[in-house]
Amino acid sequence: MRRPGPVGGLVALLLLALASGFLWWRTRPADTAIATTPELGVGYYAEDARVSITDEDGELVVRIGARSAVQEPTDGGVNLQGVTIDYDPKADLPWTLTASEGRIRAGVKMVELSGDVVATTREADGPAATIRTDFLEFDPDTSIAATDRSVVVEYAGSTVRAVGLRAALREDRLELLTDVTGRYEQ
């Protein structure tokens, strides 16, 4: 029997390597390529973003503003920086909510505010109320702001501390949930 020469052996080895590589490629898991390839989605970035929400009669009720708004392509949520929300119904007590940051999750109308959250009234003929916390959720449809975190409420020289708050802005009603303590001025 005749042995292949060095060139013939190299060709046979090369063909064997190509065949095994082809077989490996055909039998590898299908998700290997997907897992290693980043998927790019469509998103947007806006500076000085403004959104206005009206009632059934077309009257302006809520204005949401942000220094910047960035949609995350991975989950569709929108991250906000420098957030201001003006709740200004035509006949009720107006409020302004501000925060360092905000988030609107995809498919949810709730605005999550975080970082130095301050909610204040702009009542012209009475003392202002100010609420301070580090996290607050605001639902523009129901005009309800809520948190389960520590809050400080300042009103007419009085200060009240609590854990948890539910503020029905449309009804001008604040509900402190637990651990309520305060100092009242008369």
C-alpha atoms as a PDB file:
ATOM      1  CA  MET A   1       0.000   0.000   0.000  1.00  0.00           C
ATOM      2  CA  ARG A   2       1.262   3.370  -0.912  1.00  0.00           C
ATOM      3  CA  ARG A   3       1.506   6.185   1.684  1.00  0.00           C
ATOM      4  CA  PRO A   4       0.345   9.659   0.679  1.00  0.00           C
ATOM      5  CA  GLY A   5       3.046  12.249   0.229  1.00  0.00           C
ATOM      6  CA  PRO A   6       3.320  15.322   2.450  1.00  0.00           C
ATOM      7  CA  VAL A   7       1.134  17.400   0.109  1.00  0.00           C
ATOM      8  CA  GLY A   8      -1.545  14.708  -0.161  1.00  0.00           C
ATOM      9  CA  GLY A   9      -1.649  14.302   3.643  1.00  0.00           C
ATOM     10  CA  LEU A  10      -1.974  18.051   4.089  1.00  0.00           C
ATOM     11  CA  VAL A  11      -4.856  18.191   1.590  1.00  0.00           C
ATOM     12  CA  ALA A  12      -6.614  15.289   3.338  1.00  0.00           C
ATOM     13  CA  LEU A  13      -6.154  16.980   6.727  1.00  0.00           C
ATOM     14  CA  LEU A  14      -7.470  20.265   5.324  1.00  0.00           C
ATOM     15  CA  LEU A  15     -10.546  18.537   3.849  1.00  0.00           C
ATOM     16  CA  LEU A  16     -11.178  16.790   7.173  1.00  0.00           C
ATOM     17  CA  ALA A  17     -10.931  20.143   9.038  1.00  0.00           C
ATOM     18  CA  LEU A  18     -13.313  21.823   6.582  1.00  0.00           C
ATOM     19  CA  ALA A  19     -15.813  18.972   6.852  1.00  0.00           C
ATOM     20  CA  SER A  20     -15.759  18.977  10.659  1.00  0.00           C
ATOM     21  CA  GLY A  21     -16.081  22.792  10.732  1.00  0.00           C
ATOM     22  CA  PHE A  22     -19.055  22.617   8.390  1.00  0.00           C
ATOM     23  CA  LEU A  23     -20.701  19.919  10.538  1.00  0.00           C
ATOM     24  CA  TRP A  24     -20.101  21.948  13.717  1.00  0.00           C
ATOM     25  CA  TRP A  25     -21.583  25.065  12.080  1.00  0.00           C
ATOM     26  CA  ARG A  26     -24.698  23.150  10.945  1.00  0.00           C
ATOM     27  CA  THR A  27     -25.297  21.547  14.376  1.00  0.00           C
ATOM     28  CA  ARG A  28     -24.523  24.518  16.677  1.00  0.00           C
ATOM     29  CA  PRO A  29     -27.429  25.970  18.691  1.00  0.00           C
ATOM     30  CA  ALA A  30     -29.414  28.520  16.676  1.00  0.00           C
ATOM     31  CA  ASP A  31     -29.388  31.126  19.444  1.00  0.00           C
ATOM     32  CA  THR A  32     -25.582  31.377  19.581  1.00  0.00           C
ATOM     33  CA  ALA A  33     -25.505  34.037  16.876  1.00  0.00           C
ATOM     34  CA  ILE A  34     -28.361  35.975  18.482  1.00  0.00           C
ATOM     35  CA  ALA A  35     -26.775  35.946  21.940  1.00  0.00           C
ATOM     36  CA  THR A  36     -23.500  37.405  20.712  1.00  0.00           C
ATOM     37  CA  THR A  37     -24.989  40.004  18.358  1.00  0.00           C
ATOM     38  CA  PRO A  38     -26.363  43.145  20.045  1.00  0.00           C
ATOM     39  CA  GLU A  39     -29.839  44.065  18.893  1.00  0.00           C
ATOM     40  CA  LEU A  40     -30.327  47.710  18.059  1.00  0.00           C
ATOM     41  CA  GLY A  41     -33.772  49.158  18.607  1.00  0.00           C
ATOM     42  CA  VAL A  42     -35.420  52.381  17.631  1.00  0.00           C
ATOM     43  CA  GLY A  43     -35.504  55.077  20.312  1.00  0.00           C
ATOM     44  CA  TYR A  44     -35.443  58.828  20.595  1.00  0.00           C
ATOM     45  CA  TYR A  45     -33.751  61.643  22.493  1.00  0.00           C
ATOM     46  CA  ALA A  46     -35.298  65.050  23.064  1.00  0.00           C
ATOM     47  CA  GLU A  47     -34.071  68.180  24.810  1.00  0.00           C
ATOM     48  CA  ASP A  48     -36.490  70.551  26.511  1.00  0.00           C
ATOM     49  CA  ALA A  49     -39.340  68.060  26.006  1.00  0.00           C
ATOM     50  CA  ARG A  50     -42.965  69.122  26.682  1.00  0.00           C
ATOM     51  CA  VAL A  51     -46.178  67.080  26.788  1.00  0.00           C
ATOM     52  CA  SER A  52     -49.632  68.596  27.419  1.00  0.00           C
ATOM     53  CA  ILE A  53     -52.653  66.597  28.570  1.00  0.00           C
ATOM     54  CA  THR A  54     -56.180  67.941  28.183  1.00  0.00           C
ATOM     55  CA  ASP A  55     -59.541  66.944  29.667  1.00  0.00           C
ATOM     56  CA  GLU A  56     -62.656  65.849  27.748  1.00  0.00           C
ATOM     57  CA  ASP A  57     -63.438  69.476  26.897  1.00  0.00           C
ATOM     58  CA  GLY A  58     -59.973  70.111  25.485  1.00  0.00           C
ATOM     59  CA  GLU A  59     -58.925  72.216  28.498  1.00  0.00           C
ATOM     60  CA  LEU A  60     -55.282  71.932  29.523  1.00  0.00           C
ATOM     61  CA  VAL A  61     -54.934  69.994  32.798  1.00  0.00           C
ATOM     62  CA  VAL A  62     -51.381  68.590  33.007  1.00  0.00           C
ATOM     63  CA  ARG A  63     -48.118  69.764  31.474  1.00  0.00           C
ATOM     64  CA  ILE A  64     -45.065  67.509  31.750  1.00  0.00           C
ATOM     65  CA  GLY A  65     -41.691  69.023  30.953  1.00  0.00           C
ATOM     66  CA  ALA A  66     -38.166  67.629  31.079  1.00  0.00           C
ATOM     67  CA  ARG A  67     -34.719  69.039  30.378  1.00  0.00           C
ATOM     68  CA  SER A  68     -34.105  65.798  28.455  1.00  0.00           C
ATOM     69  CA  ALA A  69     -36.077  62.678  27.544  1.00  0.00           C
ATOM     70  CA  VAL A  70     -34.452  59.478  26.289  1.00  0.00           C
ATOM     71  CA  GLN A  71     -36.354  56.405  25.160  1.00  0.00           C
ATOM     72  CA  GLU A  72     -34.597  53.150  26.038  1.00  0.00           C
ATOM     73  CA  PRO A  73     -34.731  50.836  23.002  1.00  0.00           C
ATOM     74  CA  THR A  74     -34.380  47.751  25.220  1.00  0.00           C
ATOM     75  CA  ASP A  75     -37.669  48.198  27.106  1.00  0.00           C
ATOM     76  CA  GLY A  76     -39.396  51.175  25.453  1.00  0.00           C
ATOM     77  CA  GLY A  77     -39.447  53.211  28.672  1.00  0.00           C
ATOM     78  CA  VAL A  78     -38.571  56.895  28.712  1.00  0.00           C
ATOM     79  CA  ASN A  79     -35.984  58.314  31.138  1.00  0.00           C
ATOM     80  CA  LEU A  80     -36.398  61.965  32.055  1.00  0.00           C
ATOM     81  CA  GLN A  81     -33.936  64.469  33.545  1.00  0.00           C
ATOM     82  CA  GLY A  82     -34.962  67.750  35.201  1.00  0.00           C
ATOM     83  CA  VAL A  83     -38.700  66.967  35.407  1.00  0.00           C
ATOM     84  CA  THR A  84     -41.509  69.474  36.045  1.00  0.00           C
ATOM     85  CA  ILE A  85     -45.185  68.514  36.138  1.00  0.00           C
ATOM     86  CA  ASP A  86     -47.797  71.270  36.316  1.00  0.00           C
ATOM     87  CA  TYR A  87     -51.239  70.063  37.388  1.00  0.00           C
ATOM     88  CA  ASP A  88     -53.454  73.045  36.681  1.00  0.00           C
ATOM     89  CA  PRO A  89     -57.159  72.291  36.397  1.00  0.00           C
ATOM     90  CA  LYS A  90     -59.364  75.228  35.534  1.00  0.00           C
ATOM     91  CA  ALA A  91     -61.289  75.333  38.859  1.00  0.00           C
ATOM     92  CA  ASP A  92     -59.224  73.357  41.371  1.00  0.00           C
ATOM     93  CA  LEU A  93     -56.046  73.841  43.377  1.00  0.00           C
ATOM     94  CA  PRO A  94     -53.001  73.788  41.076  1.00  0.00           C
ATOM     95  CA  TRP A  95     -49.812  71.833  41.946  1.00  0.00           C
ATOM     96  CA  THR A  96     -46.260  71.761  40.616  1.00  0.00           C
ATOM     97  CA  LEU A  97     -44.178  68.605  40.996  1.00  0.00           C
ATOM     98  CA  THR A  98     -40.426  68.715  40.343  1.00  0.00           C
ATOM     99  CA  ALA A  99     -37.713  66.046  40.479  1.00  0.00           C
ATOM    100  CA  SER A 100     -34.153  65.444  39.387  1.00  0.00           C
ATOM    101  CA  GLU A 101     -35.188  62.365  37.412  1.00  0.00           C
ATOM    102  CA  GLY A 102     -38.261  60.618  36.127  1.00  0.00           C
ATOM    103  CA  ARG A 103     -39.291  57.482  34.278  1.00  0.00           C
ATOM    104  CA  ILE A 104     -42.299  56.552  32.192  1.00  0.00           C
ATOM    105  CA  ARG A 105     -42.460  52.802  31.679  1.00  0.00           C
ATOM    106  CA  ALA A 106     -43.599  51.533  28.276  1.00  0.00           C
ATOM    107  CA  GLY A 107     -47.351  51.058  28.087  1.00  0.00           C
ATOM    108  CA  VAL A 108     -47.923  52.762  31.474  1.00  0.00           C
ATOM    109  CA  LYS A 109     -49.100  56.340  31.882  1.00  0.00           C
ATOM    110  CA  MET A 110     -47.639  56.574  35.412  1.00  0.00           C
ATOM    111  CA  VAL A 111     -44.712  58.982  35.809  1.00  0.00           C
ATOM    112  CA  GLU A 112     -42.167  57.847  38.412  1.00  0.00           C
ATOM    113  CA  LEU A 113     -40.287  60.779  39.943  1.00  0.00           C
ATOM    114  CA  SER A 114     -37.072  60.354  41.940  1.00  0.00           C
ATOM    115  CA  GLY A 115     -34.304  62.462  43.425  1.00  0.00           C
ATOM    116  CA  ASP A 116     -35.271  65.604  45.350  1.00  0.00           C
ATOM    117  CA  VAL A 117     -38.994  65.318  44.610  1.00  0.00           C
ATOM    118  CA  VAL A 118     -40.921  68.437  45.636  1.00  0.00           C
ATOM    119  CA  ALA A 119     -44.661  68.980  45.190  1.00  0.00           C
ATOM    120  CA  THR A 120     -46.031  72.476  45.915  1.00  0.00           C
ATOM    121  CA  THR A 121     -49.339  74.279  45.622  1.00  0.00           C
ATOM    122  CA  ARG A 122     -49.605  77.602  43.881  1.00  0.00           C
ATOM    123  CA  GLU A 123     -52.689  78.815  45.749  1.00  0.00           C
ATOM    124  CA  ALA A 124     -52.968  82.613  45.543  1.00  0.00           C
ATOM    125  CA  ASP A 125     -55.208  83.329  48.573  1.00  0.00           C
ATOM    126  CA  GLY A 126     -53.806  80.950  51.201  1.00  0.00           C
ATOM    127  CA  PRO A 127     -50.638  79.358  52.498  1.00  0.00           C
ATOM    128  CA  ALA A 128     -48.754  77.033  50.192  1.00  0.00           C
ATOM    129  CA  ALA A 129     -48.275  73.352  50.966  1.00  0.00           C
ATOM    130  CA  THR A 130     -44.993  71.633  50.118  1.00  0.00           C
ATOM    131  CA  ILE A 131     -44.350  67.889  50.031  1.00  0.00           C
ATOM    132  CA  ARG A 132     -40.768  66.555  49.948  1.00  0.00           C
ATOM    133  CA  THR A 133     -39.716  62.958  49.315  1.00  0.00           C
ATOM    134  CA  ASP A 134     -37.181  60.964  47.316  1.00  0.00           C
ATOM    135  CA  PHE A 135     -39.714  59.023  45.188  1.00  0.00           C
ATOM    136  CA  LEU A 136     -43.245  59.745  43.980  1.00  0.00           C
ATOM    137  CA  GLU A 137     -45.521  58.193  41.367  1.00  0.00           C
ATOM    138  CA  PHE A 138     -47.968  60.450  39.526  1.00  0.00           C
ATOM    139  CA  ASP A 139     -50.888  59.188  37.443  1.00  0.00           C
ATOM    140  CA  PRO A 140     -51.991  61.932  35.013  1.00  0.00           C
ATOM    141  CA  ASP A 141     -55.313  60.173  34.310  1.00  0.00           C
ATOM    142  CA  THR A 142     -56.458  60.105  37.951  1.00  0.00           C
ATOM    143  CA  SER A 143     -54.335  63.043  39.203  1.00  0.00           C
ATOM    144  CA  ILE A 144     -53.126  60.903  42.113  1.00  0.00           C
ATOM    145  CA  ALA A 145     -49.573  61.162  43.461  1.00  0.00           C
ATOM    146  CA  ALA A 146     -48.373  58.433  45.827  1.00  0.00           C
ATOM    147  CA  THR A 147     -45.302  57.083  47.580  1.00  0.00           C
ATOM    148  CA  ASP A 148     -44.481  54.458  50.186  1.00  0.00           C
ATOM    149  CA  ARG A 149     -41.317  56.331  51.237  1.00  0.00           C
ATOM    150  CA  SER A 150     -40.627  58.985  53.881  1.00  0.00           C
ATOM    151  CA  VAL A 151     -42.323  62.330  53.258  1.00  0.00           C
ATOM    152  CA  VAL A 152     -42.223  65.784  54.833  1.00  0.00           C
ATOM    153  CA  VAL A 153     -45.279  68.031  54.483  1.00  0.00           C
ATOM    154  CA  GLU A 154     -44.926  71.747  55.230  1.00  0.00           C
ATOM    155  CA  TYR A 155     -48.052  73.899  55.521  1.00  0.00           C
ATOM    156  CA  ALA A 156     -48.633  77.278  57.209  1.00  0.00           C
ATOM    157  CA  GLY A 157     -45.527  76.972  59.406  1.00  0.00           C
ATOM    158  CA  SER A 158     -46.310  73.378  60.447  1.00  0.00           C
ATOM    159  CA  THR A 159     -44.188  70.374  59.549  1.00  0.00           C
ATOM    160  CA  VAL A 160     -45.483  66.802  59.422  1.00  0.00           C
ATOM    161  CA  ARG A 161     -43.347  63.723  58.763  1.00  0.00           C
ATOM    162  CA  ALA A 162     -44.744  60.365  57.681  1.00  0.00           C
ATOM    163  CA  VAL A 163     -44.011  57.210  55.776  1.00  0.00           C
ATOM    164  CA  GLY A 164     -46.228  56.920  52.722  1.00  0.00           C
ATOM    165  CA  LEU A 165     -48.561  59.402  51.106  1.00  0.00           C
ATOM    166  CA  ARG A 166     -51.519  59.366  48.760  1.00  0.00           C
ATOM    167  CA  ALA A 167     -52.434  62.771  47.342  1.00  0.00           C
ATOM    168  CA  ALA A 168     -55.630  63.104  45.326  1.00  0.00           C
ATOM    169  CA  LEU A 169     -54.779  66.391  43.625  1.00  0.00           C
ATOM    170  CA  ARG A 170     -58.155  66.723  41.893  1.00  0.00           C
ATOM    171  CA  GLU A 171     -59.982  66.447  45.245  1.00  0.00           C
ATOM    172  CA  ASP A 172     -57.338  68.498  47.129  1.00  0.00           C
ATOM    173  CA  ARG A 173     -56.893  65.683  49.658  1.00  0.00           C
ATOM    174  CA  LEU A 174     -53.672  64.367  51.264  1.00  0.00           C
ATOM    175  CA  GLU A 175     -53.570  61.066  53.127  1.00  0.00           C
ATOM    176  CA  LEU A 176     -50.489  60.265  55.228  1.00  0.00           C
ATOM    177  CA  LEU A 177     -50.175  56.496  55.590  1.00  0.00           C
ATOM    178  CA  THR A 178     -48.017  55.549  58.629  1.00  0.00           C
ATOM    179  CA  ASP A 179     -45.638  56.841  61.315  1.00  0.00           C
ATOM    180  CA  VAL A 180     -47.132  60.330  61.279  1.00  0.00           C
ATOM    181  CA  THR A 181     -45.412  62.881  63.564  1.00  0.00           C
ATOM    182  CA  GLY A 182     -45.395  66.626  63.417  1.00  0.00           C
ATOM    183  CA  ARG A 183     -44.984  70.120  64.781  1.00  0.00           C
ATOM    184  CA  TYR A 184     -47.997  72.366  64.383  1.00  0.00           C
ATOM    185  CA  GLU A 185     -47.984  76.161  64.449  1.00  0.00           C
ATOM    186  CA  GLN A 186     -51.163  78.064  65.274  1.00  0.00           C
END
